[in-house]
């Protein structure tokens, strides 16, 4: 079975809603959300790296990279 996909549909699938392993997330937000999760998800908190990052206004903050299972729990269908 073949599926015909338009270019705009393809761009939407490629650019939206998929896990990006190199994307940085605010660490305090991720830890706060995971603190209210089940125990098996809270165990990921201790493995999150501390990465210093700067936002568009030049404010320093701490960011982190998250594994795919955490991404799915927080933002997807888990």
PDB file of N, CA and C in Angstrom:
ATOM      1  N   UNK A   1       0.835  -1.172   0.000  1.00  0.00           N
ATOM      2  CA  UNK A   1       0.000   0.000   0.000  1.00  0.00           C
ATOM      3  C   UNK A   1       0.881   1.236   0.000  1.00  0.00           C
ATOM      4  N   UNK A   2       0.608   2.155  -0.911  1.00  0.00           N
ATOM      5  CA  UNK A   2       1.365   3.388  -0.995  1.00  0.00           C
ATOM      6  C   UNK A   2       0.537   4.532  -0.437  1.00  0.00           C
ATOM      7  N   UNK A   3       1.222   5.426   0.230  1.00  0.00           N
ATOM      8  CA  UNK A   3       0.567   6.612   0.781  1.00  0.00           C
ATOM      9  C   UNK A   3       1.173   7.829   0.107  1.00  0.00           C
ATOM     10  N   UNK A   4       0.336   8.689  -0.387  1.00  0.00           N
ATOM     11  CA  UNK A   4       0.798   9.910  -1.025  1.00  0.00           C
ATOM     12  C   UNK A   4       0.763  11.025   0.020  1.00  0.00           C
ATOM     13  N   UNK A   5       1.914  11.669   0.207  1.00  0.00           N
ATOM     14  CA  UNK A   5       2.044  12.728   1.189  1.00  0.00           C
ATOM     15  C   UNK A   5       2.468  13.998   0.471  1.00  0.00           C
ATOM     16  N   UNK A   6       1.780  15.094   0.741  1.00  0.00           N
ATOM     17  CA  UNK A   6       2.160  16.366   0.141  1.00  0.00           C
ATOM     18  C   UNK A   6       3.393  16.906   0.839  1.00  0.00           C
ATOM     19  N   UNK A   7       4.047  17.867   0.219  1.00  0.00           N
ATOM     20  CA  UNK A   7       5.255  18.426   0.799  1.00  0.00           C
ATOM     21  C   UNK A   7       4.962  19.147   2.119  1.00  0.00           C
ATOM     22  N   UNK A   8       3.840  19.834   2.198  1.00  0.00           N
ATOM     23  CA  UNK A   8       3.502  20.530   3.443  1.00  0.00           C
ATOM     24  C   UNK A   8       3.230  19.530   4.571  1.00  0.00           C
ATOM     25  N   UNK A   9       2.606  18.410   4.278  1.00  0.00           N
ATOM     26  CA  UNK A   9       2.382  17.385   5.291  1.00  0.00           C
ATOM     27  C   UNK A   9       3.716  16.790   5.751  1.00  0.00           C
ATOM     28  N   UNK A  10       4.600  16.575   4.809  1.00  0.00           N
ATOM     29  CA  UNK A  10       5.913  16.034   5.135  1.00  0.00           C
ATOM     30  C   UNK A  10       6.689  16.989   6.040  1.00  0.00           C
ATOM     31  N   UNK A  11       6.689  18.283   5.717  1.00  0.00           N
ATOM     32  CA  UNK A  11       7.387  19.274   6.522  1.00  0.00           C
ATOM     33  C   UNK A  11       6.811  19.340   7.934  1.00  0.00           C
ATOM     34  N   UNK A  12       5.511  19.216   8.040  1.00  0.00           N
ATOM     35  CA  UNK A  12       4.854  19.254   9.349  1.00  0.00           C
ATOM     36  C   UNK A  12       5.257  18.054  10.202  1.00  0.00           C
ATOM     37  N   UNK A  13       5.312  16.893   9.592  1.00  0.00           N
ATOM     38  CA  UNK A  13       5.709  15.685  10.322  1.00  0.00           C
ATOM     39  C   UNK A  13       7.162  15.769  10.756  1.00  0.00           C
ATOM     40  N   UNK A  14       8.012  16.290   9.898  1.00  0.00           N
ATOM     41  CA  UNK A  14       9.437  16.369  10.198  1.00  0.00           C
ATOM     42  C   UNK A  14       9.717  17.421  11.273  1.00  0.00           C
ATOM     43  N   UNK A  15       9.022  18.547  11.234  1.00  0.00           N
ATOM     44  CA  UNK A  15       9.358  19.657  12.130  1.00  0.00           C
ATOM     45  C   UNK A  15       8.624  19.645  13.462  1.00  0.00           C
ATOM     46  N   UNK A  16       7.514  18.947  13.595  1.00  0.00           N
ATOM     47  CA  UNK A  16       6.712  19.021  14.810  1.00  0.00           C
ATOM     48  C   UNK A  16       6.654  17.697  15.562  1.00  0.00           C
ATOM     49  N   UNK A  17       6.545  17.827  16.870  1.00  0.00           N
ATOM     50  CA  UNK A  17       6.131  16.737  17.721  1.00  0.00           C
ATOM     51  C   UNK A  17       7.022  15.524  17.814  1.00  0.00           C
ATOM     52  N   UNK A  18       8.261  15.634  17.437  1.00  0.00           N
ATOM     53  CA  UNK A  18       9.136  14.487  17.540  1.00  0.00           C
ATOM     54  C   UNK A  18      10.292  14.804  18.465  1.00  0.00           C
ATOM     55  N   UNK A  19      10.769  13.799  19.109  1.00  0.00           N
ATOM     56  CA  UNK A  19      11.874  13.928  20.055  1.00  0.00           C
ATOM     57  C   UNK A  19      13.138  14.366  19.336  1.00  0.00           C
ATOM     58  N   UNK A  20      13.781  15.379  19.898  1.00  0.00           N
ATOM     59  CA  UNK A  20      15.060  15.859  19.376  1.00  0.00           C
ATOM     60  C   UNK A  20      16.082  15.676  20.487  1.00  0.00           C
ATOM     61  N   UNK A  21      17.014  14.801  20.290  1.00  0.00           N
ATOM     62  CA  UNK A  21      17.942  14.419  21.362  1.00  0.00           C
ATOM     63  C   UNK A  21      18.865  15.554  21.789  1.00  0.00           C
ATOM     64  N   UNK A  22      19.117  16.524  20.953  1.00  0.00           N
ATOM     65  CA  UNK A  22      20.048  17.602  21.279  1.00  0.00           C
ATOM     66  C   UNK A  22      19.358  18.861  21.803  1.00  0.00           C
ATOM     67  N   UNK A  23      18.042  18.859  21.916  1.00  0.00           N
ATOM     68  CA  UNK A  23      17.338  20.051  22.369  1.00  0.00           C
ATOM     69  C   UNK A  23      17.517  20.238  23.874  1.00  0.00           C
ATOM     70  N   UNK A  24      17.666  21.503  24.290  1.00  0.00           N
ATOM     71  CA  UNK A  24      17.831  21.823  25.700  1.00  0.00           C
ATOM     72  C   UNK A  24      16.501  22.284  26.286  1.00  0.00           C
ATOM     73  N   UNK A  25      16.231  21.845  27.507  1.00  0.00           N
ATOM     74  CA  UNK A  25      15.007  22.196  28.226  1.00  0.00           C
ATOM     75  C   UNK A  25      15.394  22.822  29.561  1.00  0.00           C
ATOM     76  N   UNK A  26      14.582  23.751  30.076  1.00  0.00           N
ATOM     77  CA  UNK A  26      14.881  24.323  31.400  1.00  0.00           C
ATOM     78  C   UNK A  26      14.866  23.233  32.474  1.00  0.00           C
ATOM     79  N   UNK A  27      15.968  23.090  33.187  1.00  0.00           N
ATOM     80  CA  UNK A  27      16.104  21.990  34.144  1.00  0.00           C
ATOM     81  C   UNK A  27      15.098  22.095  35.283  1.00  0.00           C
ATOM     82  N   UNK A  28      14.846  23.299  35.791  1.00  0.00           N
ATOM     83  CA  UNK A  28      13.919  23.432  36.910  1.00  0.00           C
ATOM     84  C   UNK A  28      12.499  23.050  36.515  1.00  0.00           C
ATOM     85  N   UNK A  29      12.108  23.328  35.275  1.00  0.00           N
ATOM     86  CA  UNK A  29      10.773  22.939  34.793  1.00  0.00           C
ATOM     87  C   UNK A  29      10.660  21.415  34.696  1.00  0.00           C
ATOM     88  N   UNK A  30      11.668  20.780  34.112  1.00  0.00           N
ATOM     89  CA  UNK A  30      11.654  19.322  33.943  1.00  0.00           C
ATOM     90  C   UNK A  30      11.656  18.629  35.302  1.00  0.00           C
ATOM     91  N   UNK A  31      12.511  19.079  36.219  1.00  0.00           N
ATOM     92  CA  UNK A  31      12.581  18.468  37.548  1.00  0.00           C
ATOM     93  C   UNK A  31      11.271  18.676  38.293  1.00  0.00           C
ATOM     94  N   UNK A  32      10.681  19.857  38.185  1.00  0.00           N
ATOM     95  CA  UNK A  32       9.399  20.116  38.836  1.00  0.00           C
ATOM     96  C   UNK A  32       8.298  19.202  38.345  1.00  0.00           C
ATOM     97  N   UNK A  33       8.254  18.982  37.036  1.00  0.00           N
ATOM     98  CA  UNK A  33       7.239  18.072  36.482  1.00  0.00           C
ATOM     99  C   UNK A  33       7.502  16.629  36.878  1.00  0.00           C
ATOM    100  N   UNK A  34       8.764  16.231  36.896  1.00  0.00           N
ATOM    101  CA  UNK A  34       9.088  14.850  37.242  1.00  0.00           C
ATOM    102  C   UNK A  34       8.903  14.573  38.738  1.00  0.00           C
ATOM    103  N   UNK A  35       9.010  15.589  39.584  1.00  0.00           N
ATOM    104  CA  UNK A  35       8.794  15.386  41.021  1.00  0.00           C
ATOM    105  C   UNK A  35       7.362  14.973  41.327  1.00  0.00           C
ATOM    106  N   UNK A  36       6.427  15.315  40.470  1.00  0.00           N
ATOM    107  CA  UNK A  36       5.025  14.951  40.666  1.00  0.00           C
ATOM    108  C   UNK A  36       4.639  13.688  39.896  1.00  0.00           C
ATOM    109  N   UNK A  37       5.600  13.004  39.374  1.00  0.00           N
ATOM    110  CA  UNK A  37       5.335  11.810  38.559  1.00  0.00           C
ATOM    111  C   UNK A  37       5.517  10.546  39.404  1.00  0.00           C
ATOM    112  N   UNK A  38       5.184   9.385  38.830  1.00  0.00           N
ATOM    113  CA  UNK A  38       5.418   8.118  39.538  1.00  0.00           C
ATOM    114  C   UNK A  38       6.910   7.902  39.830  1.00  0.00           C
ATOM    115  N   UNK A  39       7.182   7.040  40.787  1.00  0.00           N
ATOM    116  CA  UNK A  39       8.555   6.826  41.247  1.00  0.00           C
ATOM    117  C   UNK A  39       9.498   6.392  40.128  1.00  0.00           C
ATOM    118  N   UNK A  40       9.043   5.525  39.253  1.00  0.00           N
ATOM    119  CA  UNK A  40       9.925   5.048  38.178  1.00  0.00           C
ATOM    120  C   UNK A  40      10.343   6.173  37.241  1.00  0.00           C
ATOM    121  N   UNK A  41       9.550   7.249  37.164  1.00  0.00           N
ATOM    122  CA  UNK A  41       9.941   8.406  36.346  1.00  0.00           C
ATOM    123  C   UNK A  41      10.826   9.364  37.144  1.00  0.00           C
ATOM    124  N   UNK A  42      10.614   9.485  38.452  1.00  0.00           N
ATOM    125  CA  UNK A  42      11.429  10.373  39.285  1.00  0.00           C
ATOM    126  C   UNK A  42      12.881   9.931  39.320  1.00  0.00           C
ATOM    127  N   UNK A  43      13.131   8.667  39.072  1.00  0.00           N
ATOM    128  CA  UNK A  43      14.508   8.165  39.090  1.00  0.00           C
ATOM    129  C   UNK A  43      15.363   8.769  37.972  1.00  0.00           C
ATOM    130  N   UNK A  44      14.737   9.314  36.947  1.00  0.00           N
ATOM    131  CA  UNK A  44      15.488   9.946  35.854  1.00  0.00           C
ATOM    132  C   UNK A  44      16.084  11.283  36.282  1.00  0.00           C
ATOM    133  N   UNK A  45      15.571  11.894  37.357  1.00  0.00           N
ATOM    134  CA  UNK A  45      16.034  13.220  37.771  1.00  0.00           C
ATOM    135  C   UNK A  45      17.529  13.215  38.074  1.00  0.00           C
ATOM    136  N   UNK A  46      18.011  12.199  38.786  1.00  0.00           N
ATOM    137  CA  UNK A  46      19.426  12.183  39.184  1.00  0.00           C
ATOM    138  C   UNK A  46      20.374  12.013  38.001  1.00  0.00           C
ATOM    139  N   UNK A  47      19.879  11.576  36.858  1.00  0.00           N
ATOM    140  CA  UNK A  47      20.732  11.380  35.684  1.00  0.00           C
ATOM    141  C   UNK A  47      20.693  12.554  34.700  1.00  0.00           C
ATOM    142  N   UNK A  48      19.900  13.579  34.990  1.00  0.00           N
ATOM    143  CA  UNK A  48      19.816  14.719  34.079  1.00  0.00           C
ATOM    144  C   UNK A  48      21.063  15.586  34.206  1.00  0.00           C
ATOM    145  N   UNK A  49      21.695  15.924  33.091  1.00  0.00           N
ATOM    146  CA  UNK A  49      22.909  16.744  33.164  1.00  0.00           C
ATOM    147  C   UNK A  49      22.588  18.214  33.448  1.00  0.00           C
ATOM    148  N   UNK A  50      23.538  18.913  34.044  1.00  0.00           N
ATOM    149  CA  UNK A  50      23.445  20.357  34.257  1.00  0.00           C
ATOM    150  C   UNK A  50      24.205  21.031  33.121  1.00  0.00           C
ATOM    151  N   UNK A  51      23.519  21.829  32.313  1.00  0.00           N
ATOM    152  CA  UNK A  51      24.137  22.531  31.189  1.00  0.00           C
ATOM    153  C   UNK A  51      23.793  24.004  31.317  1.00  0.00           C
ATOM    154  N   UNK A  52      24.810  24.843  31.392  1.00  0.00           N
ATOM    155  CA  UNK A  52      24.575  26.288  31.462  1.00  0.00           C
ATOM    156  C   UNK A  52      24.169  26.783  30.075  1.00  0.00           C
ATOM    157  N   UNK A  53      23.091  27.583  30.026  1.00  0.00           N
ATOM    158  CA  UNK A  53      22.633  28.100  28.744  1.00  0.00           C
ATOM    159  C   UNK A  53      22.151  29.540  28.915  1.00  0.00           C
ATOM    160  N   UNK A  54      22.016  30.238  27.799  1.00  0.00           N
ATOM    161  CA  UNK A  54      21.589  31.628  27.777  1.00  0.00           C
ATOM    162  C   UNK A  54      20.366  31.733  26.889  1.00  0.00           C
ATOM    163  N   UNK A  55      19.325  32.450  27.354  1.00  0.00           N
ATOM    164  CA  UNK A  55      18.136  32.624  26.529  1.00  0.00           C
ATOM    165  C   UNK A  55      18.292  33.842  25.617  1.00  0.00           C
ATOM    166  N   UNK A  56      17.241  34.196  24.891  1.00  0.00           N
ATOM    167  CA  UNK A  56      17.301  35.288  23.916  1.00  0.00           C
ATOM    168  C   UNK A  56      17.587  36.643  24.555  1.00  0.00           C
ATOM    169  N   UNK A  57      17.169  36.850  25.811  1.00  0.00           N
ATOM    170  CA  UNK A  57      17.403  38.120  26.497  1.00  0.00           C
ATOM    171  C   UNK A  57      18.763  38.177  27.178  1.00  0.00           C
ATOM    172  N   UNK A  58      19.547  37.116  27.123  1.00  0.00           N
ATOM    173  CA  UNK A  58      20.872  37.073  27.708  1.00  0.00           C
ATOM    174  C   UNK A  58      20.897  36.592  29.148  1.00  0.00           C
ATOM    175  N   UNK A  59      19.791  36.054  29.632  1.00  0.00           N
ATOM    176  CA  UNK A  59      19.716  35.557  30.997  1.00  0.00           C
ATOM    177  C   UNK A  59      20.340  34.167  31.089  1.00  0.00           C
ATOM    178  N   UNK A  60      21.243  34.002  32.065  1.00  0.00           N
ATOM    179  CA  UNK A  60      21.869  32.694  32.287  1.00  0.00           C
ATOM    180  C   UNK A  60      20.902  31.791  33.044  1.00  0.00           C
ATOM    181  N   UNK A  61      20.842  30.548  32.655  1.00  0.00           N
ATOM    182  CA  UNK A  61      20.017  29.580  33.362  1.00  0.00           C
ATOM    183  C   UNK A  61      20.641  28.195  33.214  1.00  0.00           C
ATOM    184  N   UNK A  62      20.061  27.237  33.917  1.00  0.00           N
ATOM    185  CA  UNK A  62      20.530  25.852  33.839  1.00  0.00           C
ATOM    186  C   UNK A  62      19.548  25.056  32.999  1.00  0.00           C
ATOM    187  N   UNK A  63      20.073  24.386  31.998  1.00  0.00           N
ATOM    188  CA  UNK A  63      19.251  23.579  31.100  1.00  0.00           C
ATOM    189  C   UNK A  63      19.683  22.121  31.207  1.00  0.00           C
ATOM    190  N   UNK A  64      18.947  21.269  30.526  1.00  0.00           N
ATOM    191  CA  UNK A  64      19.269  19.848  30.520  1.00  0.00           C
ATOM    192  C   UNK A  64      18.803  19.211  29.224  1.00  0.00           C
ATOM    193  N   UNK A  65      19.374  18.085  28.907  1.00  0.00           N
ATOM    194  CA  UNK A  65      18.891  17.240  27.821  1.00  0.00           C
ATOM    195  C   UNK A  65      18.143  16.096  28.466  1.00  0.00           C
ATOM    196  N   UNK A  66      17.048  15.668  27.844  1.00  0.00           N
ATOM    197  CA  UNK A  66      16.232  14.618  28.451  1.00  0.00           C
ATOM    198  C   UNK A  66      16.189  13.394  27.551  1.00  0.00           C
ATOM    199  N   UNK A  67      16.068  12.207  28.140  1.00  0.00           N
ATOM    200  CA  UNK A  67      15.923  10.994  27.332  1.00  0.00           C
ATOM    201  C   UNK A  67      14.530  10.938  26.699  1.00  0.00           C
ATOM    202  N   UNK A  68      14.386  10.112  25.704  1.00  0.00           N
ATOM    203  CA  UNK A  68      13.133  10.032  24.962  1.00  0.00           C
ATOM    204  C   UNK A  68      11.961   9.592  25.830  1.00  0.00           C
ATOM    205  N   UNK A  69      12.186   8.706  26.787  1.00  0.00           N
ATOM    206  CA  UNK A  69      11.093   8.243  27.634  1.00  0.00           C
ATOM    207  C   UNK A  69      10.550   9.394  28.481  1.00  0.00           C
ATOM    208  N   UNK A  70      11.411  10.286  28.941  1.00  0.00           N
ATOM    209  CA  UNK A  70      10.961  11.452  29.701  1.00  0.00           C
ATOM    210  C   UNK A  70      10.195  12.402  28.787  1.00  0.00           C
ATOM    211  N   UNK A  71      10.678  12.605  27.567  1.00  0.00           N
ATOM    212  CA  UNK A  71       9.970  13.440  26.605  1.00  0.00           C
ATOM    213  C   UNK A  71       8.569  12.918  26.362  1.00  0.00           C
ATOM    214  N   UNK A  72       8.448  11.627  26.148  1.00  0.00           N
ATOM    215  CA  UNK A  72       7.128  11.025  25.895  1.00  0.00           C
ATOM    216  C   UNK A  72       6.224  11.166  27.108  1.00  0.00           C
ATOM    217  N   UNK A  73       6.771  11.022  28.300  1.00  0.00           N
ATOM    218  CA  UNK A  73       5.966  11.158  29.519  1.00  0.00           C
ATOM    219  C   UNK A  73       5.452  12.583  29.661  1.00  0.00           C
ATOM    220  N   UNK A  74       6.318  13.561  29.410  1.00  0.00           N
ATOM    221  CA  UNK A  74       5.931  14.961  29.637  1.00  0.00           C
ATOM    222  C   UNK A  74       5.124  15.576  28.502  1.00  0.00           C
ATOM    223  N   UNK A  75       5.440  15.236  27.268  1.00  0.00           N
ATOM    224  CA  UNK A  75       4.857  15.944  26.132  1.00  0.00           C
ATOM    225  C   UNK A  75       4.075  15.074  25.166  1.00  0.00           C
ATOM    226  N   UNK A  76       4.115  13.770  25.318  1.00  0.00           N
ATOM    227  CA  UNK A  76       3.505  12.903  24.320  1.00  0.00           C
ATOM    228  C   UNK A  76       2.455  11.970  24.888  1.00  0.00           C
ATOM    229  N   UNK A  77       2.189  10.903  24.169  1.00  0.00           N
ATOM    230  CA  UNK A  77       1.255   9.872  24.599  1.00  0.00           C
ATOM    231  C   UNK A  77       2.006   8.821  25.374  1.00  0.00           C
ATOM    232  N   UNK A  78       1.930   8.885  26.674  1.00  0.00           N
ATOM    233  CA  UNK A  78       2.624   7.908  27.507  1.00  0.00           C
ATOM    234  C   UNK A  78       1.617   7.048  28.218  1.00  0.00           C
TER     235      UNK A  78
END
